[in-house]
Amino acid sequence: MVAELAAPGPPELEPLPADADTQAVLARIEAAGIFGMGGGGYPTAQKIRQAIAAGADVVIGNGMGTEPGVTADAALLRECREEVVGGLDIVAGCLGDPRRLVAVPPGDVETPLVEVELPYPAGEERRLVAHLTGRTVPKDGFPTDCAVLVLNVATLFAVFDAVRCGRRLARRVVSVGETDYWVPIGMKLRELPLDAAMGFRVRGALSGVPAPADGVVAPTTFAVSPAPVPALACIRCGWCRDACPERLAPDRLHDAFCVAEQDDSVFDCIECGACTAACPSGLDLVGEFRALKSRMRHERAVQARADDARRRSGARTERLARQAAARQQARQARLRTPHEW
């Protein structure tokens, strides 16, 4: 059983009938405030609408977990498997009659769920879609680009709770340290049963981010742990390169972050945290790469605005020059024209 810091609240909305149409279901999902709870935070109703527009014929419940040590999804499936599958059926009903799968790691839960054995990060959508369907998600695209909809199992549970039970999204399962709890959304991190004198880290030890003590549990908060100890300097061991599933050079990206350079390969990083886990110096490489991406996007946006301003200024200068030349030509023409007195 998952320990409880928050019991299920009373229904706030009227449960929808089993034959409710797609628009009613999507409106209920929006009214319940449901977002992607695997970490992305994308509005679920909007994601389903995009899948409908794309003609998606496969819907996958992602129960592969986010990273080692985070067991919130597995705990939810053990306790609420029928509700998760029910949420999958509700979403599938919006898409017509697609193929339905709930992917889980081997041995985590009982059948009829689909066991998937993939190396970390097994829950990354592109890998999961390729493994289960044989389809390739475009590098800069989404599963809906190849007619597949992927939703985290916590999202599917929230859909079932909203549609069949009339409950808004108010709690979720969170891995707090090494224990899984039902936690109210909005709860202060300092109120969690966790000794974190040095601070907190949310969303896992590998791919997570630091958080202040007055931070709160959000719908996307699937894990909270103590902040890691301060890191040492990079020792050029190369372990991060060996660990990277995308075959990047994290040590080179670390250098780019430190000296404020640009390196386009950082945008190929899927932020899985494998390099962070492998680093013997304890460097928060994923955090650095997120910051590097943000900085590069900002710098490029600033440069683009500056280039646009220069183009507009140059175009104005040319336009004024043409107008002045035209006025001068007209004046010369008037001077050359004989006048009759």
C-alpha atoms as a PDB file:
ATOM      1  CA  MET A   1       0.000   0.000   0.000  1.00  0.00           C
ATOM      2  CA  VAL A   2       1.119   3.535  -0.773  1.00  0.00           C
ATOM      3  CA  ALA A   3       1.359   5.591   2.419  1.00  0.00           C
ATOM      4  CA  GLU A   4      -1.060   8.510   2.603  1.00  0.00           C
ATOM      5  CA  LEU A   5      -0.317  12.155   3.278  1.00  0.00           C
ATOM      6  CA  ALA A   6      -3.543  13.003   1.442  1.00  0.00           C
ATOM      7  CA  ALA A   7      -6.747  10.973   1.346  1.00  0.00           C
ATOM      8  CA  PRO A   8      -8.953  11.161  -1.761  1.00  0.00           C
ATOM      9  CA  GLY A   9     -11.211  14.187  -1.576  1.00  0.00           C
ATOM     10  CA  PRO A  10     -14.967  14.169  -2.187  1.00  0.00           C
ATOM     11  CA  PRO A  11     -16.243  14.490  -5.755  1.00  0.00           C
ATOM     12  CA  GLU A  12     -16.433  18.124  -6.839  1.00  0.00           C
ATOM     13  CA  LEU A  13     -17.844  17.429 -10.305  1.00  0.00           C
ATOM     14  CA  GLU A  14     -20.642  15.225 -11.568  1.00  0.00           C
ATOM     15  CA  PRO A  15     -19.207  11.906 -12.814  1.00  0.00           C
ATOM     16  CA  LEU A  16     -19.654  11.496 -16.560  1.00  0.00           C
ATOM     17  CA  PRO A  17     -21.651   8.559 -17.924  1.00  0.00           C
ATOM     18  CA  ALA A  18     -19.855   5.775 -19.735  1.00  0.00           C
ATOM     19  CA  ASP A  19     -21.294   6.951 -23.068  1.00  0.00           C
ATOM     20  CA  ALA A  20     -20.119  10.578 -22.687  1.00  0.00           C
ATOM     21  CA  ASP A  21     -18.888  11.965 -25.995  1.00  0.00           C
ATOM     22  CA  THR A  22     -15.328  13.071 -26.727  1.00  0.00           C
ATOM     23  CA  GLN A  23     -15.977  16.776 -26.254  1.00  0.00           C
ATOM     24  CA  ALA A  24     -17.497  16.194 -22.824  1.00  0.00           C
ATOM     25  CA  VAL A  25     -14.535  14.045 -21.785  1.00  0.00           C
ATOM     26  CA  LEU A  26     -12.001  16.626 -22.979  1.00  0.00           C
ATOM     27  CA  ALA A  27     -13.902  19.418 -21.238  1.00  0.00           C
ATOM     28  CA  ARG A  28     -13.870  17.387 -18.007  1.00  0.00           C
ATOM     29  CA  ILE A  29     -10.109  16.767 -18.285  1.00  0.00           C
ATOM     30  CA  GLU A  30      -9.571  20.511 -18.659  1.00  0.00           C
ATOM     31  CA  ALA A  31     -11.940  21.341 -15.807  1.00  0.00           C
ATOM     32  CA  ALA A  32     -10.077  18.910 -13.550  1.00  0.00           C
ATOM     33  CA  GLY A  33      -6.766  20.684 -14.275  1.00  0.00           C
ATOM     34  CA  ILE A  34      -4.961  17.627 -15.623  1.00  0.00           C
ATOM     35  CA  PHE A  35      -1.500  18.069 -17.124  1.00  0.00           C
ATOM     36  CA  GLY A  36       1.132  15.541 -18.152  1.00  0.00           C
ATOM     37  CA  MET A  37       2.323  14.110 -14.824  1.00  0.00           C
ATOM     38  CA  GLY A  38       5.407  12.319 -16.088  1.00  0.00           C
ATOM     39  CA  GLY A  39       7.356  15.557 -15.948  1.00  0.00           C
ATOM     40  CA  GLY A  40       6.415  17.323 -19.166  1.00  0.00           C
ATOM     41  CA  GLY A  41       3.408  19.193 -17.801  1.00  0.00           C
ATOM     42  CA  TYR A  42       1.728  19.520 -21.213  1.00  0.00           C
ATOM     43  CA  PRO A  43      -2.071  20.026 -21.056  1.00  0.00           C
ATOM     44  CA  THR A  44      -3.561  16.551 -21.420  1.00  0.00           C
ATOM     45  CA  ALA A  45      -6.732  17.584 -23.244  1.00  0.00           C
ATOM     46  CA  GLN A  46      -4.685  19.494 -25.798  1.00  0.00           C
ATOM     47  CA  LYS A  47      -2.404  16.492 -26.277  1.00  0.00           C
ATOM     48  CA  ILE A  48      -5.405  14.250 -26.923  1.00  0.00           C
ATOM     49  CA  ARG A  49      -6.826  16.761 -29.421  1.00  0.00           C
ATOM     50  CA  GLN A  50      -3.525  16.717 -31.295  1.00  0.00           C
ATOM     51  CA  ALA A  51      -3.631  12.919 -31.352  1.00  0.00           C
ATOM     52  CA  ILE A  52      -7.169  12.985 -32.745  1.00  0.00           C
ATOM     53  CA  ALA A  53      -6.099  15.446 -35.454  1.00  0.00           C
ATOM     54  CA  ALA A  54      -3.126  13.209 -36.288  1.00  0.00           C
ATOM     55  CA  GLY A  55      -5.314  10.113 -36.584  1.00  0.00           C
ATOM     56  CA  ALA A  56      -3.438   8.296 -33.820  1.00  0.00           C
ATOM     57  CA  ASP A  57      -4.120   4.557 -33.880  1.00  0.00           C
ATOM     58  CA  VAL A  58      -1.985   3.589 -30.862  1.00  0.00           C
ATOM     59  CA  VAL A  59      -2.233   4.891 -27.286  1.00  0.00           C
ATOM     60  CA  ILE A  60       0.487   3.940 -24.799  1.00  0.00           C
ATOM     61  CA  GLY A  61       0.360   4.251 -21.037  1.00  0.00           C
ATOM     62  CA  ASN A  62       3.940   4.918 -19.968  1.00  0.00           C
ATOM     63  CA  GLY A  63       4.630   3.102 -16.720  1.00  0.00           C
ATOM     64  CA  MET A  64       8.331   2.589 -17.307  1.00  0.00           C
ATOM     65  CA  GLY A  65       9.304   4.976 -14.528  1.00  0.00           C
ATOM     66  CA  THR A  66      11.469   8.025 -14.873  1.00  0.00           C
ATOM     67  CA  GLU A  67      14.823   6.942 -13.506  1.00  0.00           C
ATOM     68  CA  PRO A  68      16.430   4.463 -11.102  1.00  0.00           C
ATOM     69  CA  GLY A  69      15.252   4.836  -7.525  1.00  0.00           C
ATOM     70  CA  VAL A  70      11.957   6.517  -8.434  1.00  0.00           C
ATOM     71  CA  THR A  71       9.136   4.045  -7.852  1.00  0.00           C
ATOM     72  CA  ALA A  72       6.063   6.300  -7.877  1.00  0.00           C
ATOM     73  CA  ASP A  73       4.683   4.911 -11.160  1.00  0.00           C
ATOM     74  CA  ALA A  74       5.247   1.284 -10.122  1.00  0.00           C
ATOM     75  CA  ALA A  75       3.572   1.912  -6.754  1.00  0.00           C
ATOM     76  CA  LEU A  76       0.588   3.541  -8.448  1.00  0.00           C
ATOM     77  CA  LEU A  77       0.198   0.611 -10.828  1.00  0.00           C
ATOM     78  CA  ARG A  78       0.359  -1.951  -8.027  1.00  0.00           C
ATOM     79  CA  GLU A  79      -2.365  -0.143  -6.071  1.00  0.00           C
ATOM     80  CA  CYS A  80      -4.531   1.307  -8.849  1.00  0.00           C
ATOM     81  CA  ARG A  81      -3.988  -0.811 -11.941  1.00  0.00           C
ATOM     82  CA  GLU A  82      -7.686  -1.011 -12.807  1.00  0.00           C
ATOM     83  CA  GLU A  83      -8.081   2.774 -12.594  1.00  0.00           C
ATOM     84  CA  VAL A  84      -5.031   3.324 -14.814  1.00  0.00           C
ATOM     85  CA  VAL A  85      -6.370   0.884 -17.396  1.00  0.00           C
ATOM     86  CA  GLY A  86      -9.765   2.571 -17.086  1.00  0.00           C
ATOM     87  CA  GLY A  87      -8.154   5.919 -17.831  1.00  0.00           C
ATOM     88  CA  LEU A  88      -6.480   4.370 -20.864  1.00  0.00           C
ATOM     89  CA  ASP A  89      -9.876   3.123 -22.072  1.00  0.00           C
ATOM     90  CA  ILE A  90     -11.370   6.604 -21.644  1.00  0.00           C
ATOM     91  CA  VAL A  91      -8.592   8.195 -23.696  1.00  0.00           C
ATOM     92  CA  ALA A  92      -8.818   5.430 -26.295  1.00  0.00           C
ATOM     93  CA  GLY A  93     -12.529   6.121 -26.612  1.00  0.00           C
ATOM     94  CA  CYS A  94     -11.698   9.675 -27.674  1.00  0.00           C
ATOM     95  CA  LEU A  95      -9.508   8.277 -30.474  1.00  0.00           C
ATOM     96  CA  GLY A  96     -11.954   5.734 -31.849  1.00  0.00           C
ATOM     97  CA  ASP A  97     -10.636   2.214 -31.387  1.00  0.00           C
ATOM     98  CA  PRO A  98      -6.817   2.412 -31.233  1.00  0.00           C
ATOM     99  CA  ARG A  99      -4.397  -0.255 -30.093  1.00  0.00           C
ATOM    100  CA  ARG A 100      -3.924   0.081 -26.317  1.00  0.00           C
ATOM    101  CA  LEU A 101      -0.758  -0.685 -24.353  1.00  0.00           C
ATOM    102  CA  VAL A 102       0.488  -0.011 -20.836  1.00  0.00           C
ATOM    103  CA  ALA A 103       4.269  -0.438 -20.779  1.00  0.00           C
ATOM    104  CA  VAL A 104       5.929  -1.496 -17.521  1.00  0.00           C
ATOM    105  CA  PRO A 105       9.411  -2.763 -16.563  1.00  0.00           C
ATOM    106  CA  PRO A 106       9.831  -6.546 -16.274  1.00  0.00           C
ATOM    107  CA  GLY A 107       8.520  -7.957 -13.004  1.00  0.00           C
ATOM    108  CA  ASP A 108       7.045  -4.700 -11.735  1.00  0.00           C
ATOM    109  CA  VAL A 109       3.359  -5.536 -12.004  1.00  0.00           C
ATOM    110  CA  GLU A 110       1.099  -8.368 -13.077  1.00  0.00           C
ATOM    111  CA  THR A 111      -0.268  -8.973 -16.556  1.00  0.00           C
ATOM    112  CA  PRO A 112      -2.136  -7.960 -18.745  1.00  0.00           C
ATOM    113  CA  LEU A 113       0.266  -5.030 -18.956  1.00  0.00           C
ATOM    114  CA  VAL A 114       3.082  -5.129 -21.519  1.00  0.00           C
ATOM    115  CA  GLU A 115       6.515  -5.765 -20.029  1.00  0.00           C
ATOM    116  CA  VAL A 116       9.271  -3.821 -21.761  1.00  0.00           C
ATOM    117  CA  GLU A 117      12.973  -4.407 -21.218  1.00  0.00           C
ATOM    118  CA  LEU A 118      15.026  -1.427 -22.385  1.00  0.00           C
ATOM    119  CA  PRO A 119      18.170   0.228 -21.032  1.00  0.00           C
ATOM    120  CA  TYR A 120      17.825   3.505 -19.173  1.00  0.00           C
ATOM    121  CA  PRO A 121      16.147   5.820 -20.042  1.00  0.00           C
ATOM    122  CA  ALA A 122      13.500   3.239 -20.915  1.00  0.00           C
ATOM    123  CA  GLY A 123      10.644   5.683 -20.356  1.00  0.00           C
ATOM    124  CA  GLU A 124      11.879   8.152 -22.977  1.00  0.00           C
ATOM    125  CA  GLU A 125       9.042   8.433 -25.492  1.00  0.00           C
ATOM    126  CA  ARG A 126      11.038   8.002 -28.708  1.00  0.00           C
ATOM    127  CA  ARG A 127      12.612   4.754 -27.517  1.00  0.00           C
ATOM    128  CA  LEU A 128       9.354   3.415 -26.142  1.00  0.00           C
ATOM    129  CA  VAL A 129       7.412   4.167 -29.330  1.00  0.00           C
ATOM    130  CA  ALA A 130      10.120   2.596 -31.505  1.00  0.00           C
ATOM    131  CA  HIS A 131      10.239  -0.532 -29.332  1.00  0.00           C
ATOM    132  CA  LEU A 132       6.477  -1.058 -29.122  1.00  0.00           C
ATOM    133  CA  THR A 133       5.364   0.037 -32.580  1.00  0.00           C
ATOM    134  CA  GLY A 134       8.432   0.061 -34.812  1.00  0.00           C
ATOM    135  CA  ARG A 135       7.687   3.693 -35.694  1.00  0.00           C
ATOM    136  CA  THR A 136      10.244   6.479 -35.561  1.00  0.00           C
ATOM    137  CA  VAL A 137       9.417   9.720 -33.783  1.00  0.00           C
ATOM    138  CA  PRO A 138      11.062  12.646 -35.616  1.00  0.00           C
ATOM    139  CA  LYS A 139      14.101  14.048 -33.842  1.00  0.00           C
ATOM    140  CA  ASP A 140      12.418  17.365 -33.093  1.00  0.00           C
ATOM    141  CA  GLY A 141       8.876  15.989 -33.164  1.00  0.00           C
ATOM    142  CA  PHE A 142       6.382  14.191 -30.967  1.00  0.00           C
ATOM    143  CA  PRO A 143       4.819  10.695 -30.914  1.00  0.00           C
ATOM    144  CA  THR A 144       1.663  12.138 -32.478  1.00  0.00           C
ATOM    145  CA  ASP A 145       3.778  12.847 -35.579  1.00  0.00           C
ATOM    146  CA  CYS A 146       3.761   9.075 -36.158  1.00  0.00           C
ATOM    147  CA  ALA A 147       0.154   8.539 -35.029  1.00  0.00           C
ATOM    148  CA  VAL A 148       0.949   7.477 -31.450  1.00  0.00           C
ATOM    149  CA  LEU A 149      -0.264   9.032 -28.187  1.00  0.00           C
ATOM    150  CA  VAL A 150       1.829   8.476 -25.041  1.00  0.00           C
ATOM    151  CA  LEU A 151       0.534   9.390 -21.569  1.00  0.00           C
ATOM    152  CA  ASN A 152       2.105   8.716 -18.188  1.00  0.00           C
ATOM    153  CA  VAL A 153       0.215   6.249 -15.986  1.00  0.00           C
ATOM    154  CA  ALA A 154      -0.312   8.931 -13.318  1.00  0.00           C
ATOM    155  CA  THR A 155      -2.016  11.061 -15.966  1.00  0.00           C
ATOM    156  CA  LEU A 156      -4.264   8.142 -16.922  1.00  0.00           C
ATOM    157  CA  PHE A 157      -5.209   7.638 -13.268  1.00  0.00           C
ATOM    158  CA  ALA A 158      -6.076  11.342 -12.994  1.00  0.00           C
ATOM    159  CA  VAL A 159      -8.232  11.071 -16.140  1.00  0.00           C
ATOM    160  CA  PHE A 160     -10.177   8.149 -14.657  1.00  0.00           C
ATOM    161  CA  ASP A 161     -10.568   9.955 -11.325  1.00  0.00           C
ATOM    162  CA  ALA A 162     -11.914  13.064 -13.054  1.00  0.00           C
ATOM    163  CA  VAL A 163     -14.227  11.401 -15.567  1.00  0.00           C
ATOM    164  CA  ARG A 164     -15.586   8.467 -13.575  1.00  0.00           C
ATOM    165  CA  CYS A 165     -15.329   9.846 -10.007  1.00  0.00           C
ATOM    166  CA  GLY A 166     -15.717  13.589 -10.529  1.00  0.00           C
ATOM    167  CA  ARG A 167     -12.521  14.546  -8.703  1.00  0.00           C
ATOM    168  CA  ARG A 168     -10.247  17.390  -9.713  1.00  0.00           C
ATOM    169  CA  LEU A 169      -6.503  16.762  -9.741  1.00  0.00           C
ATOM    170  CA  ALA A 170      -5.549  17.312  -6.092  1.00  0.00           C
ATOM    171  CA  ARG A 171      -3.019  14.603  -5.183  1.00  0.00           C
ATOM    172  CA  ARG A 172      -0.508  12.269  -6.721  1.00  0.00           C
ATOM    173  CA  VAL A 173       1.950   9.516  -5.800  1.00  0.00           C
ATOM    174  CA  VAL A 174       5.406  10.912  -5.076  1.00  0.00           C
ATOM    175  CA  SER A 175       8.623   9.059  -4.260  1.00  0.00           C
ATOM    176  CA  VAL A 176       9.760  10.920  -1.131  1.00  0.00           C
ATOM    177  CA  GLY A 177      13.247   9.649  -0.459  1.00  0.00           C
ATOM    178  CA  GLU A 178      12.839   5.869  -0.584  1.00  0.00           C
ATOM    179  CA  THR A 179       9.113   5.767   0.249  1.00  0.00           C
ATOM    180  CA  ASP A 180       6.086   6.377  -1.959  1.00  0.00           C
ATOM    181  CA  TYR A 181       3.280   8.604  -0.646  1.00  0.00           C
ATOM    182  CA  TRP A 182      -0.010  10.023  -1.802  1.00  0.00           C
ATOM    183  CA  VAL A 183       0.852  13.722  -1.507  1.00  0.00           C
ATOM    184  CA  PRO A 184      -1.501  16.703  -1.880  1.00  0.00           C
ATOM    185  CA  ILE A 185      -0.572  18.955  -4.768  1.00  0.00           C
ATOM    186  CA  GLY A 186       0.515  22.294  -3.341  1.00  0.00           C
ATOM    187  CA  MET A 187       2.062  20.825  -0.182  1.00  0.00           C
ATOM    188  CA  LYS A 188       5.253  22.583   0.946  1.00  0.00           C
ATOM    189  CA  LEU A 189       8.382  20.520   0.410  1.00  0.00           C
ATOM    190  CA  ARG A 190       9.510  21.208   3.969  1.00  0.00           C
ATOM    191  CA  GLU A 191       6.342  19.488   5.210  1.00  0.00           C
ATOM    192  CA  LEU A 192       7.285  16.178   3.579  1.00  0.00           C
ATOM    193  CA  PRO A 193       8.681  13.366   5.774  1.00  0.00           C
ATOM    194  CA  LEU A 194      12.214  13.973   4.571  1.00  0.00           C
ATOM    195  CA  ASP A 195      15.313  15.230   6.358  1.00  0.00           C
ATOM    196  CA  ALA A 196      16.731  17.715   3.890  1.00  0.00           C
ATOM    197  CA  ALA A 197      18.812  20.181   5.885  1.00  0.00           C
ATOM    198  CA  MET A 198      20.856  20.988   2.761  1.00  0.00           C
ATOM    199  CA  GLY A 199      17.796  21.575   0.607  1.00  0.00           C
ATOM    200  CA  PHE A 200      15.667  19.583  -1.808  1.00  0.00           C
ATOM    201  CA  ARG A 201      15.868  18.114  -5.260  1.00  0.00           C
ATOM    202  CA  VAL A 202      12.663  17.444  -7.192  1.00  0.00           C
ATOM    203  CA  ARG A 203      12.014  15.056 -10.093  1.00  0.00           C
ATOM    204  CA  GLY A 204      14.688  12.524  -9.241  1.00  0.00           C
ATOM    205  CA  ALA A 205      18.327  12.391  -8.249  1.00  0.00           C
ATOM    206  CA  LEU A 206      19.603  12.150 -11.843  1.00  0.00           C
ATOM    207  CA  SER A 207      17.496  14.495 -13.928  1.00  0.00           C
ATOM    208  CA  GLY A 208      16.016  16.627 -11.164  1.00  0.00           C
ATOM    209  CA  VAL A 209      16.530  20.252 -10.218  1.00  0.00           C
ATOM    210  CA  PRO A 210      17.233  21.998  -6.890  1.00  0.00           C
ATOM    211  CA  ALA A 211      14.205  23.409  -5.099  1.00  0.00           C
ATOM    212  CA  PRO A 212      13.829  25.769  -2.132  1.00  0.00           C
ATOM    213  CA  ALA A 213      12.238  24.620   1.121  1.00  0.00           C
ATOM    214  CA  ASP A 214       9.215  26.829   0.442  1.00  0.00           C
ATOM    215  CA  GLY A 215       8.703  25.120  -2.918  1.00  0.00           C
ATOM    216  CA  VAL A 216       5.570  23.039  -3.379  1.00  0.00           C
ATOM    217  CA  VAL A 217       4.583  19.688  -4.838  1.00  0.00           C
ATOM    218  CA  ALA A 218       3.350  20.264  -8.397  1.00  0.00           C
ATOM    219  CA  PRO A 219       1.412  17.882 -10.683  1.00  0.00           C
ATOM    220  CA  THR A 220       4.753  17.086 -12.368  1.00  0.00           C
ATOM    221  CA  THR A 221       6.561  16.333  -9.072  1.00  0.00           C
ATOM    222  CA  PHE A 222       7.024  12.582  -9.119  1.00  0.00           C
ATOM    223  CA  ALA A 223       9.983  12.505  -6.709  1.00  0.00           C
ATOM    224  CA  VAL A 224      11.604  14.592  -3.967  1.00  0.00           C
ATOM    225  CA  SER A 225      14.980  13.838  -2.436  1.00  0.00           C
ATOM    226  CA  PRO A 226      17.638  15.659  -0.404  1.00  0.00           C
ATOM    227  CA  ALA A 227      19.913  17.936  -2.387  1.00  0.00           C
ATOM    228  CA  PRO A 228      23.217  16.299  -3.392  1.00  0.00           C
ATOM    229  CA  VAL A 229      26.487  17.207  -1.713  1.00  0.00           C
ATOM    230  CA  PRO A 230      28.601  19.941  -3.404  1.00  0.00           C
ATOM    231  CA  ALA A 231      30.370  18.728  -6.546  1.00  0.00           C
ATOM    232  CA  LEU A 232      34.105  18.498  -7.216  1.00  0.00           C
ATOM    233  CA  ALA A 233      35.927  19.532 -10.394  1.00  0.00           C
ATOM    234  CA  CYS A 234      35.740  17.476 -13.588  1.00  0.00           C
ATOM    235  CA  ILE A 235      38.619  14.957 -13.699  1.00  0.00           C
ATOM    236  CA  ARG A 236      38.302  14.102 -17.424  1.00  0.00           C
ATOM    237  CA  CYS A 237      37.567  10.438 -16.755  1.00  0.00           C
ATOM    238  CA  GLY A 238      35.252  10.055 -19.764  1.00  0.00           C
ATOM    239  CA  TRP A 239      32.674   8.029 -17.847  1.00  0.00           C
ATOM    240  CA  CYS A 240      29.934  10.472 -18.843  1.00  0.00           C
ATOM    241  CA  ARG A 241      30.623   9.779 -22.527  1.00  0.00           C
ATOM    242  CA  ASP A 242      30.320   6.037 -21.952  1.00  0.00           C
ATOM    243  CA  ALA A 243      27.034   6.502 -20.077  1.00  0.00           C
ATOM    244  CA  CYS A 244      25.312   8.861 -22.542  1.00  0.00           C
ATOM    245  CA  PRO A 245      22.596   6.998 -24.506  1.00  0.00           C
ATOM    246  CA  GLU A 246      22.679   9.682 -27.221  1.00  0.00           C
ATOM    247  CA  ARG A 247      26.459   9.323 -27.728  1.00  0.00           C
ATOM    248  CA  LEU A 248      27.132  12.946 -26.831  1.00  0.00           C
ATOM    249  CA  ALA A 249      30.235  14.372 -25.149  1.00  0.00           C
ATOM    250  CA  PRO A 250      28.979  15.634 -21.768  1.00  0.00           C
ATOM    251  CA  ASP A 251      32.473  16.694 -20.674  1.00  0.00           C
ATOM    252  CA  ARG A 252      32.723  18.996 -23.702  1.00  0.00           C
ATOM    253  CA  LEU A 253      29.255  20.390 -22.970  1.00  0.00           C
ATOM    254  CA  HIS A 254      30.369  20.949 -19.370  1.00  0.00           C
ATOM    255  CA  ASP A 255      33.249  23.050 -20.702  1.00  0.00           C
ATOM    256  CA  ALA A 256      30.876  25.015 -22.931  1.00  0.00           C
ATOM    257  CA  PHE A 257      28.678  25.718 -19.921  1.00  0.00           C
ATOM    258  CA  CYS A 258      31.617  26.837 -17.775  1.00  0.00           C
ATOM    259  CA  VAL A 259      33.143  29.239 -20.338  1.00  0.00           C
ATOM    260  CA  ALA A 260      29.819  30.494 -21.749  1.00  0.00           C
ATOM    261  CA  GLU A 261      30.371  29.077 -25.231  1.00  0.00           C
ATOM    262  CA  GLN A 262      27.751  27.663 -27.585  1.00  0.00           C
ATOM    263  CA  ASP A 263      27.544  24.002 -28.577  1.00  0.00           C
ATOM    264  CA  ASP A 264      24.565  22.942 -30.699  1.00  0.00           C
ATOM    265  CA  SER A 265      24.895  19.302 -29.651  1.00  0.00           C
ATOM    266  CA  VAL A 266      23.394  20.218 -26.270  1.00  0.00           C
ATOM    267  CA  PHE A 267      19.969  20.323 -27.950  1.00  0.00           C
ATOM    268  CA  ASP A 268      20.307  16.578 -28.636  1.00  0.00           C
ATOM    269  CA  CYS A 269      20.486  15.952 -24.864  1.00  0.00           C
ATOM    270  CA  ILE A 270      17.317  14.221 -23.614  1.00  0.00           C
ATOM    271  CA  GLU A 271      18.121  15.161 -19.982  1.00  0.00           C
ATOM    272  CA  CYS A 272      17.996  11.564 -18.759  1.00  0.00           C
ATOM    273  CA  GLY A 273      20.703  12.107 -16.140  1.00  0.00           C
ATOM    274  CA  ALA A 274      22.805   9.067 -17.063  1.00  0.00           C
ATOM    275  CA  CYS A 275      25.903  11.275 -17.248  1.00  0.00           C
ATOM    276  CA  THR A 276      25.122  12.789 -13.847  1.00  0.00           C
ATOM    277  CA  ALA A 277      24.860   9.320 -12.333  1.00  0.00           C
ATOM    278  CA  ALA A 278      28.188   8.269 -13.855  1.00  0.00           C
ATOM    279  CA  CYS A 279      30.128  11.386 -12.831  1.00  0.00           C
ATOM    280  CA  PRO A 280      32.532  10.550  -9.956  1.00  0.00           C
ATOM    281  CA  SER A 281      32.870  14.268  -9.163  1.00  0.00           C
ATOM    282  CA  GLY A 282      29.139  14.620  -8.513  1.00  0.00           C
ATOM    283  CA  LEU A 283      28.656  17.324 -11.153  1.00  0.00           C
ATOM    284  CA  ASP A 284      25.042  18.231 -11.909  1.00  0.00           C
ATOM    285  CA  LEU A 285      25.581  17.845 -15.636  1.00  0.00           C
ATOM    286  CA  VAL A 286      21.886  17.762 -16.515  1.00  0.00           C
ATOM    287  CA  GLY A 287      21.327  21.008 -14.631  1.00  0.00           C
ATOM    288  CA  GLU A 288      24.243  22.569 -16.493  1.00  0.00           C
ATOM    289  CA  PHE A 289      22.879  21.427 -19.847  1.00  0.00           C
ATOM    290  CA  ARG A 290      19.428  22.820 -19.094  1.00  0.00           C
ATOM    291  CA  ALA A 291      21.039  26.139 -18.213  1.00  0.00           C
ATOM    292  CA  LEU A 292      23.204  25.998 -21.353  1.00  0.00           C
ATOM    293  CA  LYS A 293      20.147  25.390 -23.530  1.00  0.00           C
ATOM    294  CA  SER A 294      18.307  28.263 -21.889  1.00  0.00           C
ATOM    295  CA  ARG A 295      21.273  30.595 -22.276  1.00  0.00           C
ATOM    296  CA  MET A 296      21.804  29.680 -25.933  1.00  0.00           C
ATOM    297  CA  ARG A 297      18.103  30.152 -26.731  1.00  0.00           C
ATOM    298  CA  HIS A 298      18.169  33.555 -25.030  1.00  0.00           C
ATOM    299  CA  GLU A 299      21.363  34.641 -26.780  1.00  0.00           C
ATOM    300  CA  ARG A 300      19.998  33.531 -30.148  1.00  0.00           C
ATOM    301  CA  ALA A 301      16.708  35.297 -29.539  1.00  0.00           C
ATOM    302  CA  VAL A 302      18.592  38.489 -28.666  1.00  0.00           C
ATOM    303  CA  GLN A 303      20.772  38.089 -31.758  1.00  0.00           C
ATOM    304  CA  ALA A 304      17.739  37.448 -33.936  1.00  0.00           C
ATOM    305  CA  ARG A 305      16.067  40.611 -32.644  1.00  0.00           C
ATOM    306  CA  ALA A 306      19.263  42.589 -33.255  1.00  0.00           C
ATOM    307  CA  ASP A 307      19.578  41.181 -36.797  1.00  0.00           C
ATOM    308  CA  ASP A 308      15.951  42.011 -37.469  1.00  0.00           C
ATOM    309  CA  ALA A 309      16.459  45.558 -36.177  1.00  0.00           C
ATOM    310  CA  ARG A 310      19.506  45.961 -38.436  1.00  0.00           C
ATOM    311  CA  ARG A 311      17.554  44.664 -41.413  1.00  0.00           C
ATOM    312  CA  ARG A 312      14.697  47.037 -40.726  1.00  0.00           C
ATOM    313  CA  SER A 313      17.100  49.947 -40.189  1.00  0.00           C
ATOM    314  CA  GLY A 314      18.943  49.120 -43.403  1.00  0.00           C
ATOM    315  CA  ALA A 315      15.678  48.834 -45.313  1.00  0.00           C
ATOM    316  CA  ARG A 316      14.557  52.212 -43.945  1.00  0.00           C
ATOM    317  CA  THR A 317      17.877  53.816 -44.916  1.00  0.00           C
ATOM    318  CA  GLU A 318      17.592  52.408 -48.432  1.00  0.00           C
ATOM    319  CA  ARG A 319      13.963  53.543 -48.680  1.00  0.00           C
ATOM    320  CA  LEU A 320      14.817  57.081 -47.566  1.00  0.00           C
ATOM    321  CA  ALA A 321      17.739  57.153 -50.015  1.00  0.00           C
ATOM    322  CA  ARG A 322      15.474  56.064 -52.873  1.00  0.00           C
ATOM    323  CA  GLN A 323      12.900  58.693 -51.933  1.00  0.00           C
ATOM    324  CA  ALA A 324      15.581  61.402 -51.765  1.00  0.00           C
ATOM    325  CA  ALA A 325      16.980  60.320 -55.130  1.00  0.00           C
ATOM    326  CA  ALA A 326      13.492  60.357 -56.640  1.00  0.00           C
ATOM    327  CA  ARG A 327      12.890  63.872 -55.316  1.00  0.00           C
ATOM    328  CA  GLN A 328      16.225  65.017 -56.698  1.00  0.00           C
ATOM    329  CA  GLN A 329      15.456  63.517 -60.098  1.00  0.00           C
ATOM    330  CA  ALA A 330      12.060  65.194 -60.124  1.00  0.00           C
ATOM    331  CA  ARG A 331      13.656  68.539 -59.228  1.00  0.00           C
ATOM    332  CA  GLN A 332      16.254  68.181 -62.003  1.00  0.00           C
ATOM    333  CA  ALA A 333      13.516  67.308 -64.438  1.00  0.00           C
ATOM    334  CA  ARG A 334      11.576  70.423 -63.479  1.00  0.00           C
ATOM    335  CA  LEU A 335      14.668  72.576 -63.925  1.00  0.00           C
ATOM    336  CA  ARG A 336      15.270  71.167 -67.411  1.00  0.00           C
ATOM    337  CA  THR A 337      11.704  71.730 -68.517  1.00  0.00           C
ATOM    338  CA  PRO A 338      11.338  75.043 -70.468  1.00  0.00           C
ATOM    339  CA  HIS A 339       8.757  77.405 -69.110  1.00  0.00           C
ATOM    340  CA  GLU A 340       6.473  79.611 -71.154  1.00  0.00           C
ATOM    341  CA  TRP A 341       6.017  83.089 -69.706  1.00  0.00           C
END
